[in-house]
Amino acid sequence: MQKSHTKVSDFIWGKIYNQEIKVGDKIPSERDLAKILGISRNSVREGLRVLDNVGIISSQHGSGNYVSAKFEDTIAEIMSFMYILHGMDDKQITEFRYALEWEAVNLVSGKLSDETKEGLLFHLEALEKCSDDEEGAFHDKAIHYLLIGATGNDYMKYNYNALTKVMNMYIPRLRGKIIAGMKSEEHLQSVHREIIEGLIEGNTDKSLKGLHAHFKYIMKYQDT
């Protein structure tokens, strides 16, 4: 049997799905919702609290509740917990990243904004010059985030950002394994340059070749 407070989220979801309300619109008051749904105001309040916590609505004191859709951080938080609790290991993270970045290259190659090009080149040059592992991991990660962000695809960004907390531990550890396995950073730097140059030139094959080499290194050395 459906819990009373879930009727609130189902009702609001239906209104949003049918485009009867949108971001910025005010939703019915607690009293009106209780009357419409035939449930107590306490149940309404509980349902609204859930929607507020996940960022679907926001409460404005003295005014009411409004559709806000500020749930990006919540989604990332929930998904990062899901990955950890379900035992997603380094290999699975690598495979997931590879799939997302492969599609991202196909979507953005030759279509990058000047701002994104400048960002990619900045982090590439910083990566090639730095000798500190932590700094290198920062610039390495920034390059891949810029690639995903350039797609403008919210679903890809949400999924990729959901790995942020995991990757904060995963990338420095994994990058250290790769460098130790190759005995040099030279090959790792060259594949990043190949990816970025291909993206800027609109040479998709070049970027994909670099991306394939990048993940080939990762898959080879991650279990060492």
C-alpha atoms as a PDB file:
ATOM      1  CA  MET A   1       0.000   0.000   0.000  1.00  0.00           C
ATOM      2  CA  GLN A   2       1.282   3.455  -0.926  1.00  0.00           C
ATOM      3  CA  LYS A   3       2.449   5.541   2.016  1.00  0.00           C
ATOM      4  CA  SER A   4       0.553   8.792   2.432  1.00  0.00           C
ATOM      5  CA  HIS A   5       3.612  11.044   2.138  1.00  0.00           C
ATOM      6  CA  THR A   6       4.641   9.481  -1.191  1.00  0.00           C
ATOM      7  CA  LYS A   7       1.376  10.734  -2.669  1.00  0.00           C
ATOM      8  CA  VAL A   8       2.854  14.216  -2.467  1.00  0.00           C
ATOM      9  CA  SER A   9       5.892  13.386  -4.592  1.00  0.00           C
ATOM     10  CA  ASP A  10       3.759  11.420  -7.069  1.00  0.00           C
ATOM     11  CA  PHE A  11       1.377  14.369  -7.367  1.00  0.00           C
ATOM     12  CA  ILE A  12       4.181  16.903  -7.904  1.00  0.00           C
ATOM     13  CA  TRP A  13       5.946  14.554 -10.336  1.00  0.00           C
ATOM     14  CA  GLY A  14       2.751  14.239 -12.350  1.00  0.00           C
ATOM     15  CA  LYS A  15       2.312  18.014 -12.490  1.00  0.00           C
ATOM     16  CA  ILE A  16       5.913  18.467 -13.670  1.00  0.00           C
ATOM     17  CA  TYR A  17       5.678  15.610 -16.192  1.00  0.00           C
ATOM     18  CA  ASN A  18       2.494  17.058 -17.681  1.00  0.00           C
ATOM     19  CA  GLN A  19       4.156  20.487 -17.782  1.00  0.00           C
ATOM     20  CA  GLU A  20       1.494  21.988 -15.576  1.00  0.00           C
ATOM     21  CA  ILE A  21       4.232  23.401 -13.352  1.00  0.00           C
ATOM     22  CA  LYS A  22       7.871  24.203 -14.111  1.00  0.00           C
ATOM     23  CA  VAL A  23      10.986  25.523 -12.401  1.00  0.00           C
ATOM     24  CA  GLY A  24      10.131  28.656 -10.451  1.00  0.00           C
ATOM     25  CA  ASP A  25       6.423  27.896 -10.145  1.00  0.00           C
ATOM     26  CA  LYS A  26       4.737  27.794  -6.765  1.00  0.00           C
ATOM     27  CA  ILE A  27       3.168  24.501  -5.749  1.00  0.00           C
ATOM     28  CA  PRO A  28      -0.128  24.202  -3.819  1.00  0.00           C
ATOM     29  CA  SER A  29      -0.076  24.971  -0.106  1.00  0.00           C
ATOM     30  CA  GLU A  30       0.055  22.252   2.562  1.00  0.00           C
ATOM     31  CA  ARG A  31      -3.643  22.765   3.255  1.00  0.00           C
ATOM     32  CA  ASP A  32      -4.581  22.483  -0.427  1.00  0.00           C
ATOM     33  CA  LEU A  33      -2.408  19.408  -0.946  1.00  0.00           C
ATOM     34  CA  ALA A  34      -3.948  17.708   2.074  1.00  0.00           C
ATOM     35  CA  LYS A  35      -7.397  18.381   0.668  1.00  0.00           C
ATOM     36  CA  ILE A  36      -6.518  17.320  -2.902  1.00  0.00           C
ATOM     37  CA  LEU A  37      -4.764  14.116  -1.853  1.00  0.00           C
ATOM     38  CA  GLY A  38      -7.008  13.208   1.078  1.00  0.00           C
ATOM     39  CA  ILE A  39      -4.148  12.898   3.548  1.00  0.00           C
ATOM     40  CA  SER A  40      -3.149  14.664   6.759  1.00  0.00           C
ATOM     41  CA  ARG A  41      -1.099  17.854   6.766  1.00  0.00           C
ATOM     42  CA  ASN A  42       1.621  15.980   8.678  1.00  0.00           C
ATOM     43  CA  SER A  43       1.892  13.538   5.760  1.00  0.00           C
ATOM     44  CA  VAL A  44       1.976  16.449   3.328  1.00  0.00           C
ATOM     45  CA  ARG A  45       4.701  18.097   5.380  1.00  0.00           C
ATOM     46  CA  GLU A  46       6.745  14.884   5.394  1.00  0.00           C
ATOM     47  CA  GLY A  47       6.401  14.521   1.630  1.00  0.00           C
ATOM     48  CA  LEU A  48       7.434  18.120   1.053  1.00  0.00           C
ATOM     49  CA  ARG A  49      10.434  17.675   3.350  1.00  0.00           C
ATOM     50  CA  VAL A  50      11.656  14.781   1.195  1.00  0.00           C
ATOM     51  CA  LEU A  51      11.262  16.839  -1.993  1.00  0.00           C
ATOM     52  CA  ASP A  52      13.084  19.739  -0.348  1.00  0.00           C
ATOM     53  CA  ASN A  53      15.944  17.529   0.826  1.00  0.00           C
ATOM     54  CA  VAL A  54      16.600  16.181  -2.672  1.00  0.00           C
ATOM     55  CA  GLY A  55      16.333  19.620  -4.243  1.00  0.00           C
ATOM     56  CA  ILE A  56      13.108  19.245  -6.214  1.00  0.00           C
ATOM     57  CA  ILE A  57      11.472  22.110  -4.353  1.00  0.00           C
ATOM     58  CA  SER A  58      12.667  24.934  -2.150  1.00  0.00           C
ATOM     59  CA  SER A  59      10.839  26.591   0.692  1.00  0.00           C
ATOM     60  CA  GLN A  60      10.643  30.369   0.908  1.00  0.00           C
ATOM     61  CA  HIS A  61       9.665  31.546   4.362  1.00  0.00           C
ATOM     62  CA  GLY A  62       6.316  33.266   4.388  1.00  0.00           C
ATOM     63  CA  SER A  63       5.755  32.643   0.687  1.00  0.00           C
ATOM     64  CA  GLY A  64       5.453  28.906   0.139  1.00  0.00           C
ATOM     65  CA  ASN A  65       7.178  26.127  -1.786  1.00  0.00           C
ATOM     66  CA  TYR A  66       8.523  26.464  -5.302  1.00  0.00           C
ATOM     67  CA  VAL A  67       9.897  24.047  -7.906  1.00  0.00           C
ATOM     68  CA  SER A  68      13.669  24.532  -7.852  1.00  0.00           C
ATOM     69  CA  ALA A  69      15.288  21.467  -9.486  1.00  0.00           C
ATOM     70  CA  LYS A  70      18.569  22.049  -7.634  1.00  0.00           C
ATOM     71  CA  PHE A  71      19.334  18.366  -7.293  1.00  0.00           C
ATOM     72  CA  GLU A  72      22.667  17.954  -9.098  1.00  0.00           C
ATOM     73  CA  ASP A  73      24.673  17.676  -5.869  1.00  0.00           C
ATOM     74  CA  THR A  74      22.115  15.287  -4.374  1.00  0.00           C
ATOM     75  CA  ILE A  75      22.238  13.003  -7.397  1.00  0.00           C
ATOM     76  CA  ALA A  76      26.033  12.952  -7.337  1.00  0.00           C
ATOM     77  CA  GLU A  77      26.037  12.236  -3.600  1.00  0.00           C
ATOM     78  CA  ILE A  78      23.532   9.379  -3.872  1.00  0.00           C
ATOM     79  CA  MET A  79      25.235   7.808  -6.874  1.00  0.00           C
ATOM     80  CA  SER A  80      28.687   7.990  -5.286  1.00  0.00           C
ATOM     81  CA  PHE A  81      27.295   6.116  -2.257  1.00  0.00           C
ATOM     82  CA  MET A  82      25.698   3.609  -4.632  1.00  0.00           C
ATOM     83  CA  TYR A  83      28.992   2.947  -6.411  1.00  0.00           C
ATOM     84  CA  ILE A  84      30.828   2.346  -3.137  1.00  0.00           C
ATOM     85  CA  LEU A  85      28.116   0.314  -1.397  1.00  0.00           C
ATOM     86  CA  HIS A  86      27.603  -1.884  -4.463  1.00  0.00           C
ATOM     87  CA  GLY A  87      31.299  -2.614  -4.563  1.00  0.00           C
ATOM     88  CA  MET A  88      32.217  -0.751  -7.747  1.00  0.00           C
ATOM     89  CA  ASP A  89      35.951  -1.378  -8.088  1.00  0.00           C
ATOM     90  CA  ASP A  90      38.728   0.393 -10.020  1.00  0.00           C
ATOM     91  CA  LYS A  91      38.191  -1.761 -13.110  1.00  0.00           C
ATOM     92  CA  GLN A  92      34.489  -0.911 -13.275  1.00  0.00           C
ATOM     93  CA  ILE A  93      35.204   2.790 -12.761  1.00  0.00           C
ATOM     94  CA  THR A  94      37.746   2.668 -15.574  1.00  0.00           C
ATOM     95  CA  GLU A  95      35.312   0.937 -17.937  1.00  0.00           C
ATOM     96  CA  PHE A  96      32.573   3.444 -17.098  1.00  0.00           C
ATOM     97  CA  ARG A  97      34.882   6.436 -17.601  1.00  0.00           C
ATOM     98  CA  TYR A  98      36.135   5.018 -20.887  1.00  0.00           C
ATOM     99  CA  ALA A  99      32.617   4.612 -22.255  1.00  0.00           C
ATOM    100  CA  LEU A 100      31.604   8.141 -21.256  1.00  0.00           C
ATOM    101  CA  GLU A 101      34.765   9.794 -22.548  1.00  0.00           C
ATOM    102  CA  TRP A 102      34.711   7.849 -25.830  1.00  0.00           C
ATOM    103  CA  GLU A 103      31.234   9.176 -26.555  1.00  0.00           C
ATOM    104  CA  ALA A 104      32.227  12.661 -25.347  1.00  0.00           C
ATOM    105  CA  VAL A 105      35.070  12.808 -27.873  1.00  0.00           C
ATOM    106  CA  ASN A 106      32.667  11.893 -30.666  1.00  0.00           C
ATOM    107  CA  LEU A 107      30.242  14.599 -29.543  1.00  0.00           C
ATOM    108  CA  VAL A 108      32.647  17.519 -29.112  1.00  0.00           C
ATOM    109  CA  SER A 109      35.544  16.943 -31.519  1.00  0.00           C
ATOM    110  CA  GLY A 110      36.008  20.107 -33.577  1.00  0.00           C
ATOM    111  CA  LYS A 111      33.164  21.861 -31.752  1.00  0.00           C
ATOM    112  CA  LEU A 112      34.899  23.159 -28.650  1.00  0.00           C
ATOM    113  CA  SER A 113      34.397  26.727 -27.479  1.00  0.00           C
ATOM    114  CA  ASP A 114      37.468  28.956 -27.268  1.00  0.00           C
ATOM    115  CA  GLU A 115      37.124  28.940 -23.490  1.00  0.00           C
ATOM    116  CA  THR A 116      37.215  25.132 -23.352  1.00  0.00           C
ATOM    117  CA  LYS A 117      40.197  24.999 -25.715  1.00  0.00           C
ATOM    118  CA  GLU A 118      42.085  27.440 -23.518  1.00  0.00           C
ATOM    119  CA  GLY A 119      41.208  25.425 -20.414  1.00  0.00           C
ATOM    120  CA  LEU A 120      42.355  22.155 -21.950  1.00  0.00           C
ATOM    121  CA  LEU A 121      45.653  23.657 -23.149  1.00  0.00           C
ATOM    122  CA  PHE A 122      46.248  25.325 -19.783  1.00  0.00           C
ATOM    123  CA  HIS A 123      45.850  22.063 -17.860  1.00  0.00           C
ATOM    124  CA  LEU A 124      47.822  20.106 -20.465  1.00  0.00           C
ATOM    125  CA  GLU A 125      50.803  22.463 -20.256  1.00  0.00           C
ATOM    126  CA  ALA A 126      50.609  22.488 -16.463  1.00  0.00           C
ATOM    127  CA  LEU A 127      50.459  18.695 -16.451  1.00  0.00           C
ATOM    128  CA  GLU A 128      53.511  18.439 -18.678  1.00  0.00           C
ATOM    129  CA  LYS A 129      55.531  20.845 -16.531  1.00  0.00           C
ATOM    130  CA  CYS A 130      54.620  19.736 -13.017  1.00  0.00           C
ATOM    131  CA  SER A 131      56.661  17.241 -11.025  1.00  0.00           C
ATOM    132  CA  ASP A 132      54.328  16.940  -8.046  1.00  0.00           C
ATOM    133  CA  ASP A 133      52.025  13.897  -8.136  1.00  0.00           C
ATOM    134  CA  GLU A 134      49.137  15.666  -6.404  1.00  0.00           C
ATOM    135  CA  GLU A 135      49.316  18.632  -8.753  1.00  0.00           C
ATOM    136  CA  GLY A 136      49.571  16.275 -11.722  1.00  0.00           C
ATOM    137  CA  ALA A 137      46.455  14.405 -10.615  1.00  0.00           C
ATOM    138  CA  PHE A 138      44.595  17.717 -10.323  1.00  0.00           C
ATOM    139  CA  HIS A 139      45.392  18.779 -13.897  1.00  0.00           C
ATOM    140  CA  ASP A 140      44.809  15.263 -15.225  1.00  0.00           C
ATOM    141  CA  LYS A 141      41.350  15.205 -13.664  1.00  0.00           C
ATOM    142  CA  ALA A 142      40.555  18.731 -14.867  1.00  0.00           C
ATOM    143  CA  ILE A 143      41.214  17.730 -18.484  1.00  0.00           C
ATOM    144  CA  HIS A 144      38.743  14.875 -18.326  1.00  0.00           C
ATOM    145  CA  TYR A 145      36.086  16.970 -16.557  1.00  0.00           C
ATOM    146  CA  LEU A 146      36.398  19.655 -19.238  1.00  0.00           C
ATOM    147  CA  LEU A 147      35.895  17.008 -21.910  1.00  0.00           C
ATOM    148  CA  ILE A 148      32.692  15.748 -20.324  1.00  0.00           C
ATOM    149  CA  GLY A 149      31.463  19.254 -19.547  1.00  0.00           C
ATOM    150  CA  ALA A 150      31.951  20.311 -23.171  1.00  0.00           C
ATOM    151  CA  THR A 151      29.267  17.837 -24.290  1.00  0.00           C
ATOM    152  CA  GLY A 152      26.536  19.898 -22.654  1.00  0.00           C
ATOM    153  CA  ASN A 153      24.848  16.574 -21.897  1.00  0.00           C
ATOM    154  CA  ASP A 154      23.433  16.739 -18.375  1.00  0.00           C
ATOM    155  CA  TYR A 155      23.041  12.963 -18.073  1.00  0.00           C
ATOM    156  CA  MET A 156      26.709  12.411 -18.880  1.00  0.00           C
ATOM    157  CA  LYS A 157      27.761  15.189 -16.501  1.00  0.00           C
ATOM    158  CA  TYR A 158      25.601  13.890 -13.639  1.00  0.00           C
ATOM    159  CA  ASN A 159      27.016  10.388 -13.994  1.00  0.00           C
ATOM    160  CA  TYR A 160      30.585  11.618 -14.315  1.00  0.00           C
ATOM    161  CA  ASN A 161      30.270  14.027 -11.405  1.00  0.00           C
ATOM    162  CA  ALA A 162      28.823  11.204  -9.316  1.00  0.00           C
ATOM    163  CA  LEU A 163      32.259   9.619  -9.464  1.00  0.00           C
ATOM    164  CA  THR A 164      33.957  12.736  -8.086  1.00  0.00           C
ATOM    165  CA  LYS A 165      34.415  11.534  -4.527  1.00  0.00           C
ATOM    166  CA  VAL A 166      35.496   8.091  -5.643  1.00  0.00           C
ATOM    167  CA  MET A 167      37.848   9.536  -8.259  1.00  0.00           C
ATOM    168  CA  ASN A 168      39.450  11.873  -5.724  1.00  0.00           C
ATOM    169  CA  MET A 169      40.955   8.721  -4.233  1.00  0.00           C
ATOM    170  CA  TYR A 170      41.010   6.657  -7.422  1.00  0.00           C
ATOM    171  CA  ILE A 171      42.885   8.952  -9.851  1.00  0.00           C
ATOM    172  CA  PRO A 172      45.955   9.799  -7.708  1.00  0.00           C
ATOM    173  CA  ARG A 173      46.327   6.155  -6.660  1.00  0.00           C
ATOM    174  CA  LEU A 174      45.814   4.827 -10.158  1.00  0.00           C
ATOM    175  CA  ARG A 175      47.994   7.466 -11.781  1.00  0.00           C
ATOM    176  CA  GLY A 176      50.797   6.498  -9.417  1.00  0.00           C
ATOM    177  CA  LYS A 177      50.452   2.864 -10.441  1.00  0.00           C
ATOM    178  CA  ILE A 178      50.563   3.776 -14.133  1.00  0.00           C
ATOM    179  CA  ILE A 179      53.637   5.974 -13.766  1.00  0.00           C
ATOM    180  CA  ALA A 180      55.385   3.336 -11.665  1.00  0.00           C
ATOM    181  CA  GLY A 181      54.495   0.666 -14.215  1.00  0.00           C
ATOM    182  CA  MET A 182      55.756   2.696 -17.172  1.00  0.00           C
ATOM    183  CA  LYS A 183      58.770   4.015 -15.193  1.00  0.00           C
ATOM    184  CA  SER A 184      58.127   7.393 -16.838  1.00  0.00           C
ATOM    185  CA  GLU A 185      55.391   9.995 -17.287  1.00  0.00           C
ATOM    186  CA  GLU A 186      56.367  10.641 -20.900  1.00  0.00           C
ATOM    187  CA  HIS A 187      53.848   8.267 -22.498  1.00  0.00           C
ATOM    188  CA  LEU A 188      51.058   9.400 -20.192  1.00  0.00           C
ATOM    189  CA  GLN A 189      51.673  13.038 -21.129  1.00  0.00           C
ATOM    190  CA  SER A 190      51.829  12.282 -24.847  1.00  0.00           C
ATOM    191  CA  VAL A 191      48.418  10.599 -24.927  1.00  0.00           C
ATOM    192  CA  HIS A 192      46.836  13.585 -23.181  1.00  0.00           C
ATOM    193  CA  ARG A 193      48.350  15.851 -25.824  1.00  0.00           C
ATOM    194  CA  GLU A 194      47.084  13.579 -28.589  1.00  0.00           C
ATOM    195  CA  ILE A 195      43.551  13.660 -27.156  1.00  0.00           C
ATOM    196  CA  ILE A 196      43.494  17.434 -26.789  1.00  0.00           C
ATOM    197  CA  GLU A 197      45.145  18.268 -30.108  1.00  0.00           C
ATOM    198  CA  GLY A 198      42.688  15.979 -31.879  1.00  0.00           C
ATOM    199  CA  LEU A 199      39.742  17.663 -30.154  1.00  0.00           C
ATOM    200  CA  ILE A 200      40.928  21.137 -31.126  1.00  0.00           C
ATOM    201  CA  GLU A 201      41.777  20.121 -34.704  1.00  0.00           C
ATOM    202  CA  GLY A 202      38.510  18.276 -35.157  1.00  0.00           C
ATOM    203  CA  ASN A 203      40.467  15.086 -35.785  1.00  0.00           C
ATOM    204  CA  THR A 204      38.219  12.593 -33.993  1.00  0.00           C
ATOM    205  CA  ASP A 205      40.338   9.580 -34.932  1.00  0.00           C
ATOM    206  CA  LYS A 206      43.422  11.206 -33.403  1.00  0.00           C
ATOM    207  CA  SER A 207      41.602  11.950 -30.156  1.00  0.00           C
ATOM    208  CA  LEU A 208      40.123   8.468 -29.952  1.00  0.00           C
ATOM    209  CA  LYS A 209      43.540   6.946 -30.612  1.00  0.00           C
ATOM    210  CA  GLY A 210      44.960   8.940 -27.705  1.00  0.00           C
ATOM    211  CA  LEU A 211      42.005   8.072 -25.503  1.00  0.00           C
ATOM    212  CA  HIS A 212      42.358   4.377 -26.325  1.00  0.00           C
ATOM    213  CA  ALA A 213      46.065   4.492 -25.449  1.00  0.00           C
ATOM    214  CA  HIS A 214      45.271   6.365 -22.223  1.00  0.00           C
ATOM    215  CA  PHE A 215      42.820   3.742 -21.019  1.00  0.00           C
ATOM    216  CA  LYS A 216      44.971   0.906 -22.310  1.00  0.00           C
ATOM    217  CA  TYR A 217      47.699   2.122 -19.936  1.00  0.00           C
ATOM    218  CA  ILE A 218      45.208   2.374 -17.096  1.00  0.00           C
ATOM    219  CA  MET A 219      43.821  -1.126 -17.646  1.00  0.00           C
ATOM    220  CA  LYS A 220      47.303  -2.592 -17.969  1.00  0.00           C
ATOM    221  CA  TYR A 221      48.723  -1.124 -14.783  1.00  0.00           C
ATOM    222  CA  GLN A 222      45.722  -0.747 -12.474  1.00  0.00           C
ATOM    223  CA  ASP A 223      46.048  -4.283 -11.097  1.00  0.00           C
ATOM    224  CA  THR A 224      49.803  -4.086 -10.519  1.00  0.00           C
END
